[in-house]
């Protein structure tokens, strides 16, 4: 398979060793830890560090923050070497860039897309304002922070976005193929991020759902590759 066509996969909201080990064995490229205390998937920076130490080479830890202070972000990063940052709150573009530059860490910037009127969100403008982000993560805008297992209308996004995108929000094995086929042609590259779609309960992952999700992503990649050959 052409590596440029391989969709990278992030499994987010990990809280247990066995779930992390399963995600890695199934083929996840990145593991997300939620450092937002109001989340039911919250783990402390110390706990994230314990889990991250289980990761093999080339599987990337990602630390998710929601309106955290620069000091708290710095403290967490000191405990989890090599982690990417994910800004998932109301942080300004300048704040994200400044903190990431000071810590010398790449970062993802979450765009909260309205569920009912996805076309009303100016993704082109958002991407332009966050050009220093490694990628723009697309999540459904619901009450609180995080997609809450909701999807937005992928078809309403712009046809050409000059950015690397990460599709999130309500993904599961049943809909991820459609999401990849719709968004892959619209951006520089596409990755996917799943949390509730591979869970049996909040923060507790389901091994079978993890394997089914990753298998569906690989099926989408193969289908797209065959369609172009």
Protein backbone atom coordinates (compact mmCIF):
# COMPACT_ATOMS: atom_id res chain seq x y z
CA UNK A 1 0.00 0.00 0.00
CA UNK A 2 1.22 3.49 -0.82
CA UNK A 3 2.13 4.97 2.55
CA UNK A 4 0.71 8.32 1.47
CA UNK A 5 -2.69 6.63 1.27
CA UNK A 6 -2.47 4.97 4.66
CA UNK A 7 -4.84 6.68 7.07
CA UNK A 8 -3.20 7.22 10.47
CA UNK A 9 -5.33 6.16 13.45
CA UNK A 10 -5.52 7.70 16.91
CA UNK A 11 -7.38 5.93 19.72
CA UNK A 12 -8.27 8.55 22.35
CA UNK A 13 -9.41 8.54 25.96
CA UNK A 14 -7.27 5.63 27.16
CA UNK A 15 -7.33 4.98 30.91
CA UNK A 16 -6.23 1.34 31.29
CA UNK A 17 -3.14 -0.66 30.44
CA UNK A 18 -5.05 -3.46 28.75
CA UNK A 19 -6.86 -1.02 26.46
CA UNK A 20 -3.62 0.66 25.47
CA UNK A 21 -1.96 -2.69 24.75
CA UNK A 22 -4.94 -3.75 22.64
CA UNK A 23 -4.93 -0.53 20.62
CA UNK A 24 -1.21 -0.86 19.92
CA UNK A 25 -1.51 -4.53 18.96
CA UNK A 26 -4.40 -3.71 16.62
CA UNK A 27 -2.30 -1.15 14.75
CA UNK A 28 -3.03 2.29 16.24
CA UNK A 29 -0.52 4.99 15.32
CA UNK A 30 -1.27 7.31 18.26
CA UNK A 31 -2.78 7.06 21.73
CA UNK A 32 -4.65 9.98 23.28
CA UNK A 33 -4.77 10.85 26.98
CA UNK A 34 -7.41 13.33 28.19
CA UNK A 35 -5.95 15.74 30.76
CA UNK A 36 -9.23 17.60 31.27
CA UNK A 37 -10.57 17.01 34.78
CA UNK A 38 -14.24 17.36 33.84
CA UNK A 39 -14.02 14.53 31.33
CA UNK A 40 -15.12 11.03 32.28
CA UNK A 41 -11.99 9.84 30.47
CA UNK A 42 -9.68 12.06 32.52
CA UNK A 43 -6.27 10.84 33.60
CA UNK A 44 -3.68 12.82 35.50
CA UNK A 45 -0.36 13.72 33.90
CA UNK A 46 1.29 11.14 36.15
CA UNK A 47 -1.14 8.44 35.04
CA UNK A 48 -0.68 9.42 31.39
CA UNK A 49 3.07 9.07 31.88
CA UNK A 50 2.64 5.58 33.38
CA UNK A 51 0.56 4.48 30.42
CA UNK A 52 2.77 6.18 27.82
CA UNK A 53 5.80 4.26 29.04
CA UNK A 54 4.14 1.11 27.69
CA UNK A 55 4.13 2.47 24.14
CA UNK A 56 6.55 0.94 21.66
CA UNK A 57 8.62 3.07 19.25
CA UNK A 58 6.69 4.94 16.56
CA UNK A 59 3.39 4.92 18.45
CA UNK A 60 2.85 8.52 19.53
CA UNK A 61 1.32 9.69 22.82
CA UNK A 62 -1.02 12.70 22.51
CA UNK A 63 -1.95 14.89 25.48
CA UNK A 64 -5.37 16.52 25.17
CA UNK A 65 -5.86 19.83 26.97
CA UNK A 66 -8.93 22.04 27.39
CA UNK A 67 -8.16 25.63 28.37
CA UNK A 68 -5.19 24.54 30.49
CA UNK A 69 -2.55 26.99 31.67
CA UNK A 70 0.85 27.10 30.05
CA UNK A 71 2.37 25.95 33.35
CA UNK A 72 0.12 22.88 33.56
CA UNK A 73 0.86 21.99 29.94
CA UNK A 74 4.58 22.33 30.54
CA UNK A 75 4.39 20.13 33.65
CA UNK A 76 2.51 17.42 31.77
CA UNK A 77 4.94 17.49 28.87
CA UNK A 78 7.86 17.09 31.24
CA UNK A 79 6.31 13.78 32.37
CA UNK A 80 5.47 12.47 28.90
CA UNK A 81 8.49 12.90 26.60
CA UNK A 82 7.74 12.96 22.91
CA UNK A 83 4.02 13.64 23.28
CA UNK A 84 2.08 15.73 20.80
CA UNK A 85 -0.20 18.41 22.20
CA UNK A 86 -3.88 18.62 21.36
CA UNK A 87 -5.65 21.89 22.12
CA UNK A 88 -9.34 21.13 22.39
CA UNK A 89 -10.83 24.17 24.10
CA UNK A 90 -11.16 27.90 23.51
CA UNK A 91 -7.44 28.57 23.30
CA UNK A 92 -6.36 31.28 20.90
CA UNK A 93 -4.20 30.43 17.93
CA UNK A 94 -1.45 32.63 19.37
CA UNK A 95 -1.53 30.78 22.70
CA UNK A 96 -1.30 27.36 21.02
CA UNK A 97 1.59 28.46 18.86
CA UNK A 98 3.48 30.13 21.71
CA UNK A 99 3.17 27.22 24.13
CA UNK A 100 4.05 24.62 21.50
CA UNK A 101 7.06 26.66 20.38
CA UNK A 102 8.32 27.09 23.93
CA UNK A 103 8.00 23.37 24.60
CA UNK A 104 9.22 22.43 21.11
CA UNK A 105 6.28 20.12 20.59
CA UNK A 106 4.07 19.68 17.51
CA UNK A 107 0.38 20.19 18.15
CA UNK A 108 -3.11 19.51 16.89
CA UNK A 109 -5.78 22.22 16.97
CA UNK A 110 -9.38 21.12 17.36
CA UNK A 111 -12.06 22.78 15.24
CA UNK A 112 -15.52 22.35 16.76
CA UNK A 113 -17.88 21.91 13.81
CA UNK A 114 -21.62 22.59 14.36
CA UNK A 115 -23.69 19.43 14.07
CA UNK A 116 -26.76 21.07 12.55
CA UNK A 117 -25.04 23.58 10.25
CA UNK A 118 -21.58 22.28 9.42
CA UNK A 119 -21.36 24.60 6.42
CA UNK A 120 -21.66 27.56 8.79
CA UNK A 121 -18.17 26.90 10.17
CA UNK A 122 -15.43 28.62 8.16
CA UNK A 123 -12.87 25.83 8.08
CA UNK A 124 -10.69 27.58 5.51
CA UNK A 125 -10.36 30.62 7.76
CA UNK A 126 -9.73 28.42 10.81
CA UNK A 127 -7.00 26.48 9.00
CA UNK A 128 -5.37 29.71 7.84
CA UNK A 129 -5.33 31.01 11.42
CA UNK A 130 -3.69 27.80 12.63
CA UNK A 131 -1.07 27.14 9.97
CA UNK A 132 1.53 26.22 12.61
CA UNK A 133 -0.55 23.30 13.83
CA UNK A 134 0.57 19.92 12.56
CA UNK A 135 -3.06 19.19 11.73
CA UNK A 136 -6.59 20.47 12.28
CA UNK A 137 -8.76 18.01 14.19
CA UNK A 138 -12.42 18.15 13.19
CA UNK A 139 -14.82 17.40 16.04
CA UNK A 140 -18.55 17.89 16.49
CA UNK A 141 -19.53 20.97 18.51
CA UNK A 142 -21.73 19.90 21.41
CA UNK A 143 -22.28 21.21 24.94
CA UNK A 144 -19.02 20.99 26.84
CA UNK A 145 -15.84 19.89 25.08
CA UNK A 146 -15.46 16.82 22.92
CA UNK A 147 -17.80 15.46 20.32
CA UNK A 148 -19.96 13.46 22.71
CA UNK A 149 -20.22 10.68 20.15
CA UNK A 150 -21.89 13.00 17.63
CA UNK A 151 -21.04 13.36 13.96
CA UNK A 152 -21.30 16.49 11.85
CA UNK A 153 -22.19 16.73 8.17
CA UNK A 154 -18.95 15.83 6.41
CA UNK A 155 -20.38 16.62 2.98
CA UNK A 156 -20.76 20.29 3.92
CA UNK A 157 -17.03 20.87 4.45
CA UNK A 158 -15.07 22.81 1.81
CA UNK A 159 -13.92 20.77 -1.20
CA UNK A 160 -10.28 21.85 -0.86
CA UNK A 161 -8.62 22.53 2.51
CA UNK A 162 -4.91 23.36 2.47
CA UNK A 163 -4.18 21.48 5.70
CA UNK A 164 -3.67 18.06 7.18
CA UNK A 165 -6.95 16.99 8.78
CA UNK A 166 -7.90 14.57 11.54
CA UNK A 167 -11.51 13.41 11.39
CA UNK A 168 -13.12 12.89 14.79
CA UNK A 169 -16.56 13.02 16.38
CA UNK A 170 -18.89 10.02 16.47
CA UNK A 171 -16.71 7.73 14.39
CA UNK A 172 -17.15 3.97 14.56
CA UNK A 173 -16.54 0.92 12.38
CA UNK A 174 -19.84 1.46 10.59
CA UNK A 175 -19.28 5.04 9.39
CA UNK A 176 -15.52 5.58 9.21
CA UNK A 177 -15.27 4.25 5.64
CA UNK A 178 -17.75 6.89 4.48
CA UNK A 179 -15.92 9.59 6.40
CA UNK A 180 -12.56 8.72 4.87
CA UNK A 181 -13.95 8.49 1.34
CA UNK A 182 -15.62 11.90 1.69
CA UNK A 183 -12.73 13.80 3.32
CA UNK A 184 -9.56 12.24 1.90
CA UNK A 185 -9.86 14.12 -1.43
CA UNK A 186 -10.46 17.44 0.32
CA UNK A 187 -7.16 17.89 2.21
CA UNK A 188 -3.40 17.34 2.24
CA UNK A 189 -3.73 14.15 4.27
CA UNK A 190 -6.33 12.55 6.51
CA UNK A 191 -6.11 10.79 9.86
CA UNK A 192 -8.94 9.55 12.09
CA UNK A 193 -9.50 9.83 15.83
CA UNK A 194 -11.93 7.59 17.73
CA UNK A 195 -12.96 7.38 21.37
CA UNK A 196 -16.59 6.55 22.21
CA UNK A 197 -16.94 4.48 19.04
CA UNK A 198 -14.64 1.80 20.47
CA UNK A 199 -15.92 1.82 24.06
CA UNK A 200 -18.11 -0.41 26.21
CA UNK A 201 -18.43 2.47 28.71
CA UNK A 202 -16.82 5.88 29.26
CA UNK A 203 -13.06 5.40 29.28
CA UNK A 204 -13.30 1.60 29.03
CA UNK A 205 -12.44 0.34 25.56
CA UNK A 206 -13.85 -2.73 23.83
CA UNK A 207 -11.13 -4.87 22.18
CA UNK A 208 -13.46 -6.18 19.49
CA UNK A 209 -14.61 -2.66 18.56
CA UNK A 210 -11.00 -1.48 18.36
CA UNK A 211 -10.10 -4.26 15.95
CA UNK A 212 -13.27 -3.70 13.90
CA UNK A 213 -12.58 0.03 13.65
CA UNK A 214 -9.00 -0.39 12.50
CA UNK A 215 -10.03 -3.07 10.02
CA UNK A 216 -12.64 -0.69 8.59
CA UNK A 217 -10.03 2.06 8.18
CA UNK A 218 -7.72 -0.30 6.32
CA UNK A 219 -10.63 -1.41 4.13
CA UNK A 220 -11.30 2.25 3.27
CA UNK A 221 -7.64 2.75 2.34
CA UNK A 222 -7.65 -0.31 0.11
CA UNK A 223 -10.88 0.74 -1.58
CA UNK A 224 -9.52 4.19 -2.35
CA UNK A 225 -6.26 2.76 -3.64
CA UNK A 226 -8.07 0.33 -5.93
CA UNK A 227 -10.31 3.09 -7.25
CA UNK A 228 -7.26 5.06 -8.35
CA UNK A 229 -5.33 2.16 -9.91
